[in-house]
Amino acid sequence: MKQTRKHIQNTFIELCQGKPADKITVKEIVASCQINRNSFYYHFEDLPGLVVSIVEDQVHDAFVAEGGSFTSGFLACARALQDNLDFYRNIYYSKNREILDMRLNAMVEELIRDYFGTRIFNLYDVSEEDQEIIVQTYRMEVGGVFMCWLQEGMRYDLVKRLERMFELRQGTLEMMVQRADRSKRSLNGPVWMKDFEPKTN
């Protein structure tokens, strides 16, 4: 079943290289996959659902594949978007643009919220309000880099842009956590920094 789902996703991505996404039909997809319509609708509710699944899988799989590093994980997400440039450009200029914007932003927030919640906030005494402020800050910054890249025509190297942003902000999260930590345990040195910050020369 997973192979069929992946096959449908890959077929849609390939079809997007040759024609506008709005012109692609379920009939065309199932014909290319050599499956019936029931198989398509078993895995996806409709074409927008197929688009959402591709965005979710590519972003999630890229992040997880990095094995727990925050910056490397999001750089891998950026690389996944850039490696599928034709697909994302096609979707962005289609009627599914709003779906792409909303789901990509939501995925960024989910990954940040999960990472901070399980690897940082659980180590200290940080209020729920401060946790939300920190999550929102990084969601706006990481998600903002992705959104600007889309809005500006995907014409520059997204990976390099995001990497530079992380470099310029190096140490910011550590300061935010130290100021928010009511236990002051973070003043002893954050053990999570080695997995969070990028390595610089």
Protein backbone atom coordinates (compact mmCIF):
# COMPACT_ATOMS: atom_id res chain seq x y z
CA MET A 1 0.00 0.00 0.00
CA LYS A 2 2.81 2.41 0.86
CA GLN A 3 4.45 1.70 -2.47
CA THR A 4 1.24 2.59 -4.31
CA ARG A 5 0.91 5.81 -2.34
CA LYS A 6 4.50 6.78 -3.11
CA HIS A 7 4.05 5.83 -6.76
CA ILE A 8 1.05 8.16 -7.05
CA GLN A 9 2.99 10.99 -5.43
CA ASN A 10 6.00 10.52 -7.71
CA THR A 11 3.79 10.32 -10.77
CA PHE A 12 2.07 13.59 -9.91
CA ILE A 13 5.47 15.26 -9.35
CA GLU A 14 6.64 14.00 -12.75
CA LEU A 15 3.47 15.21 -14.46
CA CYS A 16 3.98 18.64 -12.89
CA GLN A 17 7.24 18.94 -14.79
CA GLY A 18 5.41 18.91 -18.11
CA LYS A 19 2.16 20.81 -17.54
CA PRO A 20 0.39 23.14 -15.07
CA ALA A 21 -0.81 21.37 -11.94
CA ASP A 22 -4.32 22.74 -12.50
CA LYS A 23 -4.48 20.81 -15.78
CA ILE A 24 -3.60 17.44 -14.25
CA THR A 25 -6.55 15.15 -13.53
CA VAL A 26 -7.05 12.05 -11.41
CA LYS A 27 -7.80 10.19 -14.64
CA GLU A 28 -4.38 11.12 -16.01
CA ILE A 29 -2.61 10.14 -12.79
CA VAL A 30 -4.21 6.70 -12.52
CA ALA A 31 -3.53 6.04 -16.20
CA SER A 32 0.14 6.88 -15.74
CA CYS A 33 0.31 4.73 -12.60
CA GLN A 34 -1.66 1.91 -14.22
CA ILE A 35 -4.03 1.71 -11.27
CA ASN A 36 -7.78 2.28 -10.94
CA ARG A 37 -9.51 5.32 -9.47
CA ASN A 38 -10.43 3.41 -6.31
CA SER A 39 -6.74 2.95 -5.55
CA PHE A 40 -6.17 6.68 -5.83
CA TYR A 41 -9.08 7.54 -3.56
CA TYR A 42 -8.03 4.90 -1.05
CA HIS A 43 -4.88 6.93 -0.41
CA PHE A 44 -6.03 10.49 -1.12
CA GLU A 45 -9.32 12.31 -0.71
CA ASP A 46 -8.68 14.49 -3.75
CA LEU A 47 -5.91 16.28 -5.67
CA PRO A 48 -5.37 18.96 -3.00
CA GLY A 49 -4.98 16.11 -0.51
CA LEU A 50 -2.30 14.62 -2.76
CA VAL A 51 -0.45 17.96 -2.80
CA VAL A 52 -0.62 18.18 1.00
CA SER A 53 0.72 14.64 1.37
CA ILE A 54 3.73 15.40 -0.84
CA VAL A 55 4.62 18.54 1.11
CA GLU A 56 4.18 16.78 4.45
CA ASP A 57 6.20 13.71 3.48
CA GLN A 58 9.08 15.61 1.88
CA VAL A 59 9.46 18.08 4.74
CA HIS A 60 8.99 15.54 7.54
CA ASP A 61 11.23 12.88 5.98
CA ALA A 62 13.99 15.39 5.27
CA PHE A 63 13.96 16.69 8.84
CA VAL A 64 13.87 13.27 10.47
CA ALA A 65 16.62 11.89 8.22
CA GLU A 66 19.11 14.28 9.82
CA GLY A 67 18.90 12.37 13.08
CA GLY A 68 17.90 15.07 15.53
CA SER A 69 19.83 18.21 14.60
CA PHE A 70 17.59 21.30 14.41
CA THR A 71 19.60 23.36 11.96
CA SER A 72 20.67 20.39 9.83
CA GLY A 73 17.07 19.19 9.82
CA PHE A 74 15.68 22.43 8.45
CA LEU A 75 18.55 22.78 5.99
CA ALA A 76 17.56 19.32 4.73
CA CYS A 77 13.96 20.55 4.40
CA ALA A 78 15.19 23.51 2.36
CA ARG A 79 17.20 21.15 0.17
CA ALA A 80 14.13 18.98 -0.40
CA LEU A 81 12.15 22.01 -1.56
CA GLN A 82 14.96 23.15 -3.81
CA ASP A 83 15.53 19.68 -5.27
CA ASN A 84 11.87 19.65 -6.30
CA LEU A 85 11.88 23.21 -7.60
CA ASP A 86 9.74 22.51 -10.68
CA PHE A 87 7.04 20.91 -8.56
CA TYR A 88 6.89 23.68 -5.96
CA ARG A 89 6.96 26.42 -8.57
CA ASN A 90 4.10 24.70 -10.38
CA ILE A 91 2.02 24.32 -7.23
CA TYR A 92 2.76 27.85 -6.04
CA TYR A 93 1.36 29.33 -9.25
CA SER A 94 -1.70 27.08 -9.23
CA LYS A 95 -5.01 27.17 -7.39
CA ASN A 96 -3.32 25.06 -4.70
CA ARG A 97 -1.01 27.92 -3.69
CA GLU A 98 -2.91 28.65 -0.48
CA ILE A 99 -2.75 24.97 0.47
CA LEU A 100 1.02 24.96 -0.05
CA ASP A 101 1.49 28.11 2.05
CA MET A 102 -0.69 26.90 4.91
CA ARG A 103 0.67 23.36 5.06
CA LEU A 104 4.33 24.37 4.78
CA ASN A 105 3.91 26.91 7.57
CA ALA A 106 2.06 24.36 9.69
CA MET A 107 4.76 21.74 9.13
CA VAL A 108 7.49 24.18 10.17
CA GLU A 109 5.59 25.03 13.35
CA GLU A 110 4.92 21.37 14.18
CA LEU A 111 8.58 20.43 13.79
CA ILE A 112 9.77 23.39 15.86
CA ARG A 113 7.18 22.83 18.58
CA ASP A 114 8.03 19.14 18.84
CA TYR A 115 11.80 19.74 18.83
CA PHE A 116 11.74 22.48 21.46
CA GLY A 117 9.21 20.64 23.60
CA THR A 118 11.06 17.32 23.71
CA ARG A 119 14.69 18.50 23.64
CA ILE A 120 14.83 21.91 25.33
CA PHE A 121 11.77 23.05 27.30
CA ASN A 122 11.53 19.75 29.14
CA LEU A 123 14.97 20.38 30.69
CA TYR A 124 14.06 23.67 32.35
CA ASP A 125 11.28 25.59 34.07
CA VAL A 126 9.93 27.72 31.24
CA SER A 127 6.41 29.14 31.42
CA GLU A 128 3.89 28.16 28.77
CA GLU A 129 3.72 31.76 27.60
CA ASP A 130 7.49 31.99 27.13
CA GLN A 131 7.53 28.62 25.38
CA GLU A 132 4.91 29.93 22.96
CA ILE A 133 6.88 33.14 22.34
CA ILE A 134 10.07 31.19 21.56
CA VAL A 135 8.23 28.78 19.25
CA GLN A 136 6.49 31.64 17.45
CA THR A 137 9.79 33.49 17.02
CA TYR A 138 11.45 30.57 15.27
CA ARG A 139 8.34 29.69 13.30
CA MET A 140 8.20 33.19 11.89
CA GLU A 141 11.90 33.18 11.08
CA VAL A 142 12.31 29.70 9.56
CA GLY A 143 8.87 29.74 7.95
CA GLY A 144 9.50 33.31 6.83
CA VAL A 145 12.63 32.30 4.93
CA PHE A 146 10.68 29.56 3.15
CA MET A 147 7.76 31.87 2.36
CA CYS A 148 10.00 34.67 1.05
CA TRP A 149 11.75 32.17 -1.21
CA LEU A 150 8.41 31.13 -2.68
CA GLN A 151 7.07 34.67 -2.97
CA GLU A 152 10.27 35.96 -4.62
CA GLY A 153 10.10 33.40 -7.40
CA MET A 154 12.42 30.72 -5.93
CA ARG A 155 15.29 32.41 -7.75
CA TYR A 156 18.07 32.12 -5.14
CA ASP A 157 19.73 29.32 -3.17
CA LEU A 158 17.31 28.59 -0.33
CA VAL A 159 19.76 26.36 1.55
CA LYS A 160 22.48 29.02 1.62
CA ARG A 161 19.99 31.70 2.66
CA LEU A 162 18.65 29.62 5.56
CA GLU A 163 22.13 28.54 6.62
CA ARG A 164 23.28 32.16 6.75
CA MET A 165 20.24 33.09 8.82
CA PHE A 166 21.12 30.39 11.34
CA GLU A 167 24.72 31.60 11.45
CA LEU A 168 23.70 35.22 12.05
CA ARG A 169 21.35 34.15 14.86
CA GLN A 170 23.81 31.80 16.54
CA GLY A 171 23.44 31.93 20.32
CA THR A 172 20.03 33.67 20.26
CA LEU A 173 18.02 30.66 21.40
CA GLU A 174 20.47 30.02 24.24
CA MET A 175 19.94 33.57 25.52
CA MET A 176 16.17 33.32 25.19
CA VAL A 177 16.06 30.06 27.14
CA GLN A 178 18.35 31.41 29.87
CA ARG A 179 16.14 34.46 30.32
CA ALA A 180 12.99 32.35 30.39
CA ASP A 181 14.32 29.56 32.66
CA ARG A 182 12.96 30.15 36.14
CA SER A 183 15.09 27.30 37.57
CA LYS A 184 18.33 28.89 36.27
CA ARG A 185 19.64 25.41 35.41
CA SER A 186 20.34 26.69 31.90
CA LEU A 187 23.07 28.98 33.29
CA ASN A 188 25.24 25.89 33.76
CA GLY A 189 25.51 25.53 30.00
CA PRO A 190 22.89 24.07 27.67
CA VAL A 191 23.64 20.46 26.79
CA TRP A 192 21.36 20.69 23.74
CA MET A 193 23.38 23.34 21.90
CA LYS A 194 25.64 20.85 20.12
CA ASP A 195 22.57 19.46 18.33
CA PHE A 196 21.00 22.84 17.65
CA GLU A 197 23.53 25.34 16.38
CA PRO A 198 25.38 24.99 13.06
CA LYS A 199 29.09 24.38 12.97
CA THR A 200 30.98 27.44 11.77
CA ASN A 201 34.56 27.80 10.63
